[in-house]
Amino acid sequence: MRSSVVNLVRIALLVALSLVLGAVEAMIPLPVTLPGVKLGLANVVVLVALYLLDARVAFFLVFVKAGIAAMLTGSPMVIAYSLAGGLLSFALMWLLKRTNKVSVVVVSMVGAVTHNIAQVLVACLLLETPAILLNLPFLAVVACITGSLTGTAALAVIKALKHQ
C-alpha cells in the first residue's frame, strides 16, 4: 500500500512539473511560428518517468500533457498536434530505451525529431497545406538541438534522483 501511495505522489509531482515546464515554454518567444518549433521542456518529465518509473507512467504523462494543453488553449488543433507528436516520439523513445545501448540524450533527440515530424504531418493533413512539409529539414535540425538540451537536462535529473 505504501509503495502505491509513493508512486501516486511521484506521478502527481511529475504532472505538476510538466505543467510548469509547459507554461514556462509557452512564455518564451520563439523566432519562428511553425508547428514543431519549440523547446520541448515538458519532455524532460516524460524522459525522467521513462527512466526512473516505468513506460506506463511516461505514457500517461503524454496524454495528460496533451489534455491539459487542449484545455488551456481550447483548440482541437492543439490536442491533435500534441497527441500525434507525443505518441510518436514516446513510442520511439520507449523502443530505444529498451535496447539499453542508446544514451538518454540520443533518445531525447530522436524523440524531438519524431515529435516535430508528427506535428508537421498533422498540420499538413488538417490544414491541407502540403507546402509545410518543406519545413521538415529545418525542424529536424532544430529538434536535434532542443532534443540534446532536453536530454541533457533529463539526464541530470535522472542522475540526481538515482543518487538519493
N, C-alpha and C. Protein backbone atom coordinates (compact mmCIF):
# COMPACT_ATOMS: atom_id res chain seq x y z
N MET A 1 0.83 -1.19 0.00
CA MET A 1 0.00 0.00 0.00
C MET A 1 0.87 1.25 0.00
N ARG A 2 1.92 1.26 0.82
CA ARG A 2 2.78 2.43 0.92
C ARG A 2 3.46 2.74 -0.40
N SER A 3 3.92 1.72 -1.12
CA SER A 3 4.62 1.97 -2.39
C SER A 3 3.67 2.53 -3.46
N SER A 4 2.40 2.12 -3.44
CA SER A 4 1.45 2.67 -4.42
C SER A 4 1.16 4.14 -4.12
N VAL A 5 1.13 4.52 -2.86
CA VAL A 5 0.93 5.92 -2.49
C VAL A 5 2.15 6.74 -2.90
N VAL A 6 3.34 6.20 -2.68
CA VAL A 6 4.57 6.90 -3.07
C VAL A 6 4.61 7.08 -4.58
N ASN A 7 4.23 6.05 -5.32
CA ASN A 7 4.20 6.17 -6.79
C ASN A 7 3.17 7.19 -7.25
N LEU A 8 2.02 7.22 -6.59
CA LEU A 8 1.00 8.20 -6.94
C LEU A 8 1.49 9.62 -6.70
N VAL A 9 2.20 9.82 -5.60
CA VAL A 9 2.77 11.14 -5.30
C VAL A 9 3.81 11.50 -6.35
N ARG A 10 4.66 10.55 -6.74
CA ARG A 10 5.66 10.80 -7.78
C ARG A 10 4.99 11.21 -9.08
N ILE A 11 3.94 10.49 -9.46
CA ILE A 11 3.23 10.81 -10.70
C ILE A 11 2.61 12.20 -10.63
N ALA A 12 1.99 12.52 -9.50
CA ALA A 12 1.38 13.84 -9.33
C ALA A 12 2.44 14.94 -9.44
N LEU A 13 3.60 14.72 -8.84
CA LEU A 13 4.68 15.71 -8.94
C LEU A 13 5.18 15.85 -10.37
N LEU A 14 5.29 14.74 -11.09
CA LEU A 14 5.73 14.80 -12.49
C LEU A 14 4.71 15.54 -13.35
N VAL A 15 3.42 15.30 -13.10
CA VAL A 15 2.37 16.02 -13.85
C VAL A 15 2.47 17.51 -13.57
N ALA A 16 2.63 17.88 -12.30
CA ALA A 16 2.75 19.30 -11.94
C ALA A 16 3.98 19.92 -12.59
N LEU A 17 5.10 19.21 -12.55
CA LEU A 17 6.32 19.72 -13.18
C LEU A 17 6.14 19.87 -14.68
N SER A 18 5.45 18.93 -15.29
CA SER A 18 5.18 19.01 -16.73
C SER A 18 4.37 20.26 -17.05
N LEU A 19 3.37 20.56 -16.22
CA LEU A 19 2.56 21.75 -16.43
C LEU A 19 3.38 23.02 -16.29
N VAL A 20 4.21 23.07 -15.28
CA VAL A 20 5.05 24.25 -15.05
C VAL A 20 6.00 24.44 -16.23
N LEU A 21 6.66 23.37 -16.65
CA LEU A 21 7.59 23.48 -17.77
C LEU A 21 6.87 23.87 -19.06
N GLY A 22 5.68 23.33 -19.27
CA GLY A 22 4.89 23.72 -20.44
C GLY A 22 4.51 25.18 -20.42
N ALA A 23 4.14 25.69 -19.24
CA ALA A 23 3.78 27.11 -19.10
C ALA A 23 5.00 28.00 -19.32
N VAL A 24 6.13 27.60 -18.77
CA VAL A 24 7.37 28.37 -18.98
C VAL A 24 7.70 28.41 -20.46
N GLU A 25 7.59 27.27 -21.11
CA GLU A 25 7.89 27.21 -22.54
C GLU A 25 6.96 28.09 -23.36
N ALA A 26 5.69 28.13 -22.98
CA ALA A 26 4.73 28.96 -23.71
C ALA A 26 5.04 30.45 -23.59
N MET A 27 5.74 30.83 -22.54
CA MET A 27 6.07 32.25 -22.33
C MET A 27 7.33 32.67 -23.08
N ILE A 28 8.12 31.72 -23.53
CA ILE A 28 9.37 32.05 -24.21
C ILE A 28 9.07 32.33 -25.68
N PRO A 29 9.33 33.55 -26.14
CA PRO A 29 9.05 33.85 -27.55
C PRO A 29 10.08 33.16 -28.46
N LEU A 30 9.57 32.50 -29.47
CA LEU A 30 10.45 31.84 -30.44
C LEU A 30 10.47 32.65 -31.73
N PRO A 31 11.57 32.60 -32.46
CA PRO A 31 11.69 33.42 -33.67
C PRO A 31 10.84 32.92 -34.84
N VAL A 32 10.35 31.68 -34.76
CA VAL A 32 9.60 31.09 -35.87
C VAL A 32 8.31 30.51 -35.33
N THR A 33 7.21 30.71 -36.05
CA THR A 33 5.93 30.15 -35.62
C THR A 33 5.52 29.01 -36.54
N LEU A 34 6.20 27.90 -36.43
CA LEU A 34 5.87 26.70 -37.17
C LEU A 34 5.50 25.61 -36.20
N PRO A 35 4.56 24.73 -36.59
CA PRO A 35 4.30 23.58 -35.72
C PRO A 35 5.60 22.80 -35.53
N GLY A 36 5.86 22.44 -34.32
CA GLY A 36 7.07 21.66 -34.05
C GLY A 36 8.24 22.46 -33.54
N VAL A 37 8.24 23.77 -33.77
CA VAL A 37 9.35 24.58 -33.27
C VAL A 37 9.04 24.96 -31.83
N LYS A 38 9.70 24.27 -30.92
CA LYS A 38 9.53 24.53 -29.50
C LYS A 38 10.70 23.90 -28.77
N LEU A 39 10.81 24.21 -27.51
CA LEU A 39 11.94 23.71 -26.74
C LEU A 39 11.73 22.28 -26.25
N GLY A 40 10.49 21.88 -26.00
CA GLY A 40 10.23 20.53 -25.53
C GLY A 40 10.57 20.35 -24.06
N LEU A 41 10.41 21.40 -23.27
CA LEU A 41 10.77 21.33 -21.85
C LEU A 41 9.99 20.25 -21.10
N ALA A 42 8.71 20.12 -21.42
CA ALA A 42 7.91 19.12 -20.71
C ALA A 42 8.37 17.70 -21.02
N ASN A 43 9.13 17.53 -22.09
CA ASN A 43 9.63 16.20 -22.43
C ASN A 43 10.67 15.73 -21.40
N VAL A 44 11.26 16.64 -20.67
CA VAL A 44 12.17 16.26 -19.59
C VAL A 44 11.42 15.33 -18.63
N VAL A 45 10.19 15.68 -18.33
CA VAL A 45 9.38 14.92 -17.39
C VAL A 45 9.08 13.52 -17.94
N VAL A 46 8.76 13.43 -19.22
CA VAL A 46 8.47 12.13 -19.83
C VAL A 46 9.72 11.25 -19.78
N LEU A 47 10.87 11.82 -20.09
CA LEU A 47 12.11 11.05 -20.03
C LEU A 47 12.43 10.58 -18.61
N VAL A 48 12.26 11.46 -17.65
CA VAL A 48 12.52 11.08 -16.26
C VAL A 48 11.59 9.94 -15.85
N ALA A 49 10.32 10.04 -16.20
CA ALA A 49 9.37 8.96 -15.87
C ALA A 49 9.74 7.67 -16.58
N LEU A 50 10.15 7.77 -17.83
CA LEU A 50 10.52 6.58 -18.60
C LEU A 50 11.72 5.86 -18.00
N TYR A 51 12.68 6.63 -17.52
CA TYR A 51 13.91 6.03 -17.00
C TYR A 51 13.84 5.69 -15.51
N LEU A 52 13.06 6.43 -14.73
CA LEU A 52 13.05 6.18 -13.28
C LEU A 52 11.81 5.42 -12.80
N LEU A 53 10.70 5.56 -13.48
CA LEU A 53 9.49 4.86 -13.06
C LEU A 53 9.23 3.72 -14.05
N ASP A 54 8.31 3.91 -14.96
CA ASP A 54 8.11 2.89 -15.99
C ASP A 54 7.40 3.50 -17.20
N ALA A 55 7.28 2.70 -18.24
CA ALA A 55 6.72 3.18 -19.50
C ALA A 55 5.25 3.59 -19.35
N ARG A 56 4.51 2.90 -18.48
CA ARG A 56 3.09 3.25 -18.30
C ARG A 56 2.93 4.66 -17.76
N VAL A 57 3.76 5.03 -16.81
CA VAL A 57 3.69 6.37 -16.22
C VAL A 57 4.08 7.42 -17.27
N ALA A 58 5.14 7.15 -18.02
CA ALA A 58 5.56 8.09 -19.06
C ALA A 58 4.48 8.24 -20.12
N PHE A 59 3.85 7.13 -20.50
CA PHE A 59 2.77 7.15 -21.49
C PHE A 59 1.58 7.97 -20.97
N PHE A 60 1.26 7.79 -19.70
CA PHE A 60 0.19 8.55 -19.05
C PHE A 60 0.49 10.04 -19.11
N LEU A 61 1.76 10.41 -18.86
CA LEU A 61 2.14 11.82 -18.90
C LEU A 61 1.96 12.44 -20.28
N VAL A 62 2.21 11.66 -21.33
CA VAL A 62 2.00 12.15 -22.70
C VAL A 62 0.54 12.56 -22.88
N PHE A 63 -0.39 11.71 -22.40
CA PHE A 63 -1.82 12.02 -22.52
C PHE A 63 -2.22 13.20 -21.65
N VAL A 64 -1.69 13.26 -20.44
CA VAL A 64 -2.03 14.37 -19.55
C VAL A 64 -1.56 15.69 -20.15
N LYS A 65 -0.33 15.70 -20.68
CA LYS A 65 0.19 16.92 -21.31
C LYS A 65 -0.71 17.37 -22.45
N ALA A 66 -1.11 16.44 -23.30
CA ALA A 66 -1.96 16.79 -24.45
C ALA A 66 -3.32 17.29 -23.98
N GLY A 67 -3.90 16.63 -23.00
CA GLY A 67 -5.22 17.03 -22.50
C GLY A 67 -5.20 18.40 -21.86
N ILE A 68 -4.18 18.66 -21.08
CA ILE A 68 -4.09 19.96 -20.41
C ILE A 68 -3.81 21.07 -21.42
N ALA A 69 -2.96 20.78 -22.40
CA ALA A 69 -2.70 21.78 -23.45
C ALA A 69 -4.00 22.12 -24.18
N ALA A 70 -4.81 21.12 -24.45
CA ALA A 70 -6.08 21.37 -25.14
C ALA A 70 -7.02 22.19 -24.27
N MET A 71 -7.06 21.88 -22.98
CA MET A 71 -7.94 22.64 -22.08
C MET A 71 -7.48 24.09 -21.95
N LEU A 72 -6.19 24.30 -21.87
CA LEU A 72 -5.67 25.65 -21.70
C LEU A 72 -5.87 26.51 -22.94
N THR A 73 -5.76 25.90 -24.11
CA THR A 73 -5.90 26.68 -25.34
C THR A 73 -7.31 26.62 -25.90
N GLY A 74 -8.05 25.58 -25.57
CA GLY A 74 -9.39 25.42 -26.13
C GLY A 74 -9.37 25.08 -27.61
N SER A 75 -8.25 24.56 -28.09
CA SER A 75 -8.10 24.31 -29.52
C SER A 75 -8.00 22.81 -29.82
N PRO A 76 -8.89 22.31 -30.69
CA PRO A 76 -8.77 20.90 -31.10
C PRO A 76 -7.47 20.64 -31.87
N MET A 77 -6.98 21.67 -32.56
CA MET A 77 -5.71 21.51 -33.30
C MET A 77 -4.56 21.25 -32.33
N VAL A 78 -4.58 21.91 -31.19
CA VAL A 78 -3.50 21.73 -30.21
C VAL A 78 -3.49 20.30 -29.71
N ILE A 79 -4.65 19.74 -29.42
CA ILE A 79 -4.67 18.37 -28.94
C ILE A 79 -4.22 17.41 -30.04
N ALA A 80 -4.58 17.70 -31.28
CA ALA A 80 -4.14 16.84 -32.40
C ALA A 80 -2.62 16.90 -32.55
N TYR A 81 -2.06 18.11 -32.54
CA TYR A 81 -0.60 18.27 -32.62
C TYR A 81 0.09 17.57 -31.45
N SER A 82 -0.42 17.87 -30.26
CA SER A 82 0.23 17.38 -29.05
C SER A 82 0.17 15.85 -28.96
N LEU A 83 -0.98 15.28 -29.24
CA LEU A 83 -1.10 13.82 -29.18
C LEU A 83 -0.28 13.14 -30.25
N ALA A 84 -0.35 13.63 -31.47
CA ALA A 84 0.41 13.00 -32.55
C ALA A 84 1.90 13.05 -32.26
N GLY A 85 2.38 14.23 -31.89
CA GLY A 85 3.80 14.38 -31.58
C GLY A 85 4.21 13.58 -30.37
N GLY A 86 3.40 13.65 -29.33
CA GLY A 86 3.71 12.95 -28.09
C GLY A 86 3.71 11.44 -28.25
N LEU A 87 2.72 10.91 -28.94
CA LEU A 87 2.62 9.45 -29.08
C LEU A 87 3.73 8.88 -29.95
N LEU A 88 4.01 9.53 -31.08
CA LEU A 88 5.07 9.02 -31.95
C LEU A 88 6.43 9.12 -31.27
N SER A 89 6.70 10.27 -30.65
CA SER A 89 8.00 10.41 -30.01
C SER A 89 8.13 9.45 -28.83
N PHE A 90 7.06 9.26 -28.07
CA PHE A 90 7.11 8.33 -26.95
C PHE A 90 7.40 6.91 -27.43
N ALA A 91 6.72 6.50 -28.49
CA ALA A 91 6.92 5.13 -28.99
C ALA A 91 8.38 4.89 -29.37
N LEU A 92 8.99 5.83 -30.06
CA LEU A 92 10.38 5.64 -30.46
C LEU A 92 11.34 5.76 -29.28
N MET A 93 11.05 6.68 -28.36
CA MET A 93 11.92 6.79 -27.18
C MET A 93 11.86 5.51 -26.35
N TRP A 94 10.66 4.95 -26.20
CA TRP A 94 10.49 3.72 -25.43
C TRP A 94 11.25 2.57 -26.09
N LEU A 95 11.14 2.46 -27.41
CA LEU A 95 11.85 1.39 -28.12
C LEU A 95 13.37 1.54 -27.97
N LEU A 96 13.86 2.76 -28.12
CA LEU A 96 15.30 2.99 -27.97
C LEU A 96 15.78 2.73 -26.54
N LYS A 97 15.00 3.15 -25.58
CA LYS A 97 15.37 2.96 -24.18
C LYS A 97 15.47 1.48 -23.85
N ARG A 98 14.59 0.67 -24.44
CA ARG A 98 14.59 -0.77 -24.17
C ARG A 98 15.86 -1.46 -24.62
N THR A 99 16.55 -0.89 -25.61
CA THR A 99 17.78 -1.52 -26.09
C THR A 99 18.92 -1.38 -25.10
N ASN A 100 18.83 -0.38 -24.20
CA ASN A 100 19.89 -0.10 -23.22
C ASN A 100 21.24 0.20 -23.86
N LYS A 101 21.25 0.53 -25.13
CA LYS A 101 22.51 0.83 -25.82
C LYS A 101 22.57 2.27 -26.30
N VAL A 102 21.53 3.03 -26.02
CA VAL A 102 21.45 4.41 -26.50
C VAL A 102 21.34 5.33 -25.30
N SER A 103 22.10 6.42 -25.33
CA SER A 103 22.09 7.36 -24.20
C SER A 103 20.77 8.12 -24.11
N VAL A 104 20.51 8.65 -22.95
CA VAL A 104 19.31 9.45 -22.72
C VAL A 104 19.27 10.64 -23.69
N VAL A 105 20.41 11.25 -23.94
CA VAL A 105 20.46 12.41 -24.82
C VAL A 105 20.06 12.02 -26.24
N VAL A 106 20.56 10.90 -26.74
CA VAL A 106 20.20 10.45 -28.10
C VAL A 106 18.72 10.07 -28.14
N VAL A 107 18.23 9.40 -27.11
CA VAL A 107 16.81 9.06 -27.05
C VAL A 107 15.97 10.33 -27.12
N SER A 108 16.38 11.36 -26.40
CA SER A 108 15.67 12.63 -26.41
C SER A 108 15.71 13.30 -27.79
N MET A 109 16.86 13.25 -28.44
CA MET A 109 16.98 13.85 -29.77
C MET A 109 16.06 13.14 -30.77
N VAL A 110 16.04 11.81 -30.74
CA VAL A 110 15.15 11.05 -31.63
C VAL A 110 13.69 11.39 -31.32
N GLY A 111 13.38 11.48 -30.02
CA GLY A 111 12.02 11.85 -29.64
C GLY A 111 11.63 13.23 -30.14
N ALA A 112 12.56 14.18 -30.07
CA ALA A 112 12.27 15.55 -30.54
C ALA A 112 12.06 15.58 -32.05
N VAL A 113 12.90 14.87 -32.78
CA VAL A 113 12.76 14.84 -34.25
C VAL A 113 11.43 14.21 -34.65
N THR A 114 11.10 13.07 -34.04
CA THR A 114 9.84 12.41 -34.42
C THR A 114 8.63 13.21 -33.96
N HIS A 115 8.77 13.93 -32.86
CA HIS A 115 7.68 14.80 -32.40
C HIS A 115 7.40 15.87 -33.46
N ASN A 116 8.45 16.49 -33.97
CA ASN A 116 8.29 17.53 -34.98
C ASN A 116 7.71 16.97 -36.28
N ILE A 117 8.18 15.81 -36.68
CA ILE A 117 7.67 15.19 -37.91
C ILE A 117 6.17 14.92 -37.77
N ALA A 118 5.77 14.36 -36.65
CA ALA A 118 4.35 14.07 -36.43
C ALA A 118 3.51 15.35 -36.45
N GLN A 119 4.01 16.39 -35.81
CA GLN A 119 3.25 17.64 -35.78
C GLN A 119 3.11 18.25 -37.17
N VAL A 120 4.17 18.20 -37.95
CA VAL A 120 4.09 18.75 -39.30
C VAL A 120 3.14 17.92 -40.17
N LEU A 121 3.18 16.62 -40.02
CA LEU A 121 2.25 15.77 -40.79
C LEU A 121 0.79 16.05 -40.41
N VAL A 122 0.53 16.24 -39.13
CA VAL A 122 -0.83 16.58 -38.69
C VAL A 122 -1.23 17.94 -39.26
N ALA A 123 -0.33 18.90 -39.20
CA ALA A 123 -0.64 20.23 -39.77
C ALA A 123 -0.92 20.12 -41.26
N CYS A 124 -0.12 19.32 -41.95
CA CYS A 124 -0.30 19.13 -43.38
C CYS A 124 -1.68 18.54 -43.69
N LEU A 125 -2.07 17.54 -42.91
CA LEU A 125 -3.36 16.88 -43.14
C LEU A 125 -4.55 17.73 -42.72
N LEU A 126 -4.50 18.30 -41.52
CA LEU A 126 -5.64 19.04 -41.01
C LEU A 126 -5.81 20.41 -41.65
N LEU A 127 -4.70 21.04 -41.96
CA LEU A 127 -4.78 22.37 -42.58
C LEU A 127 -4.76 22.30 -44.11
N GLU A 128 -4.54 21.10 -44.61
CA GLU A 128 -4.46 20.86 -46.06
C GLU A 128 -3.44 21.79 -46.71
N THR A 129 -2.27 21.84 -46.11
CA THR A 129 -1.19 22.67 -46.64
C THR A 129 0.07 21.82 -46.80
N PRO A 130 0.18 21.10 -47.92
CA PRO A 130 1.35 20.23 -48.10
C PRO A 130 2.67 21.01 -48.17
N ALA A 131 2.61 22.29 -48.45
CA ALA A 131 3.84 23.08 -48.53
C ALA A 131 4.59 23.12 -47.20
N ILE A 132 3.87 22.88 -46.11
CA ILE A 132 4.52 22.91 -44.80
C ILE A 132 5.56 21.79 -44.67
N LEU A 133 5.44 20.77 -45.49
CA LEU A 133 6.42 19.67 -45.47
C LEU A 133 7.83 20.15 -45.84
N LEU A 134 7.91 21.27 -46.53
CA LEU A 134 9.21 21.83 -46.88
C LEU A 134 10.01 22.25 -45.64
N ASN A 135 9.32 22.40 -44.53
CA ASN A 135 9.98 22.82 -43.28
C ASN A 135 10.60 21.66 -42.51
N LEU A 136 10.38 20.43 -42.95
CA LEU A 136 10.89 19.28 -42.20
C LEU A 136 12.40 19.29 -41.98
N PRO A 137 13.22 19.60 -42.98
CA PRO A 137 14.67 19.63 -42.70
C PRO A 137 15.05 20.65 -41.62
N PHE A 138 14.47 21.82 -41.69
CA PHE A 138 14.74 22.85 -40.68
C PHE A 138 14.31 22.37 -39.30
N LEU A 139 13.11 21.77 -39.23
CA LEU A 139 12.60 21.29 -37.95
C LEU A 139 13.43 20.14 -37.40
N ALA A 140 14.00 19.32 -38.27
CA ALA A 140 14.86 18.23 -37.80
C ALA A 140 16.12 18.78 -37.15
N VAL A 141 16.69 19.80 -37.75
CA VAL A 141 17.89 20.42 -37.16
C VAL A 141 17.55 21.07 -35.82
N VAL A 142 16.46 21.81 -35.78
CA VAL A 142 16.03 22.45 -34.53
C VAL A 142 15.79 21.39 -33.46
N ALA A 143 15.15 20.29 -33.85
CA ALA A 143 14.83 19.23 -32.89
C ALA A 143 16.09 18.56 -32.36
N CYS A 144 17.12 18.43 -33.17
CA CYS A 144 18.37 17.86 -32.68
C CYS A 144 18.98 18.74 -31.60
N ILE A 145 18.91 20.03 -31.81
CA ILE A 145 19.46 20.97 -30.83
C ILE A 145 18.63 20.95 -29.54
N THR A 146 17.32 21.14 -29.68
CA THR A 146 16.47 21.16 -28.48
C THR A 146 16.42 19.80 -27.81
N GLY A 147 16.43 18.73 -28.60
CA GLY A 147 16.43 17.38 -28.02
C GLY A 147 17.68 17.10 -27.22
N SER A 148 18.82 17.61 -27.69
CA SER A 148 20.05 17.39 -26.92
C SER A 148 20.02 18.18 -25.62
N LEU A 149 19.47 19.39 -25.64
CA LEU A 149 19.34 20.18 -24.41
C LEU A 149 18.37 19.53 -23.43
N THR A 150 17.23 19.08 -23.94
CA THR A 150 16.24 18.41 -23.11
C THR A 150 16.80 17.12 -22.54
N GLY A 151 17.49 16.35 -23.37
CA GLY A 151 18.09 15.10 -22.92
C GLY A 151 19.15 15.30 -21.86
N THR A 152 19.95 16.35 -22.02
CA THR A 152 20.98 16.66 -21.03
C THR A 152 20.34 17.04 -19.69
N ALA A 153 19.27 17.84 -19.75
CA ALA A 153 18.56 18.21 -18.52
C ALA A 153 17.94 16.98 -17.87
N ALA A 154 17.31 16.12 -18.68
CA ALA A 154 16.69 14.90 -18.14
C ALA A 154 17.74 13.99 -17.52
N LEU A 155 18.89 13.86 -18.18
CA LEU A 155 19.96 13.02 -17.65
C LEU A 155 20.45 13.53 -16.29
N ALA A 156 20.57 14.83 -16.16
CA ALA A 156 20.99 15.42 -14.88
C ALA A 156 19.97 15.12 -13.78
N VAL A 157 18.69 15.25 -14.11
CA VAL A 157 17.64 14.97 -13.13
C VAL A 157 17.65 13.48 -12.76
N ILE A 158 17.77 12.63 -13.75
CA ILE A 158 17.78 11.17 -13.51
C ILE A 158 18.97 10.79 -12.61
N LYS A 159 20.13 11.32 -12.90
CA LYS A 159 21.30 11.02 -12.06
C LYS A 159 21.13 11.53 -10.64
N ALA A 160 20.58 12.74 -10.51
CA ALA A 160 20.39 13.31 -9.18
C ALA A 160 19.39 12.49 -8.37
N LEU A 161 18.30 12.06 -9.01
CA LEU A 161 17.28 11.29 -8.29
C LEU A 161 17.73 9.87 -7.99
N LYS A 162 18.57 9.30 -8.82
CA LYS A 162 19.07 7.94 -8.57
C LYS A 162 20.00 7.90 -7.37
N HIS A 163 20.69 8.98 -7.10
CA HIS A 163 21.67 9.02 -6.02
C HIS A 163 21.08 9.44 -4.69
N GLN A 164 19.77 9.50 -4.60
CA GLN A 164 19.14 9.88 -3.32
C GLN A 164 18.89 8.66 -2.50
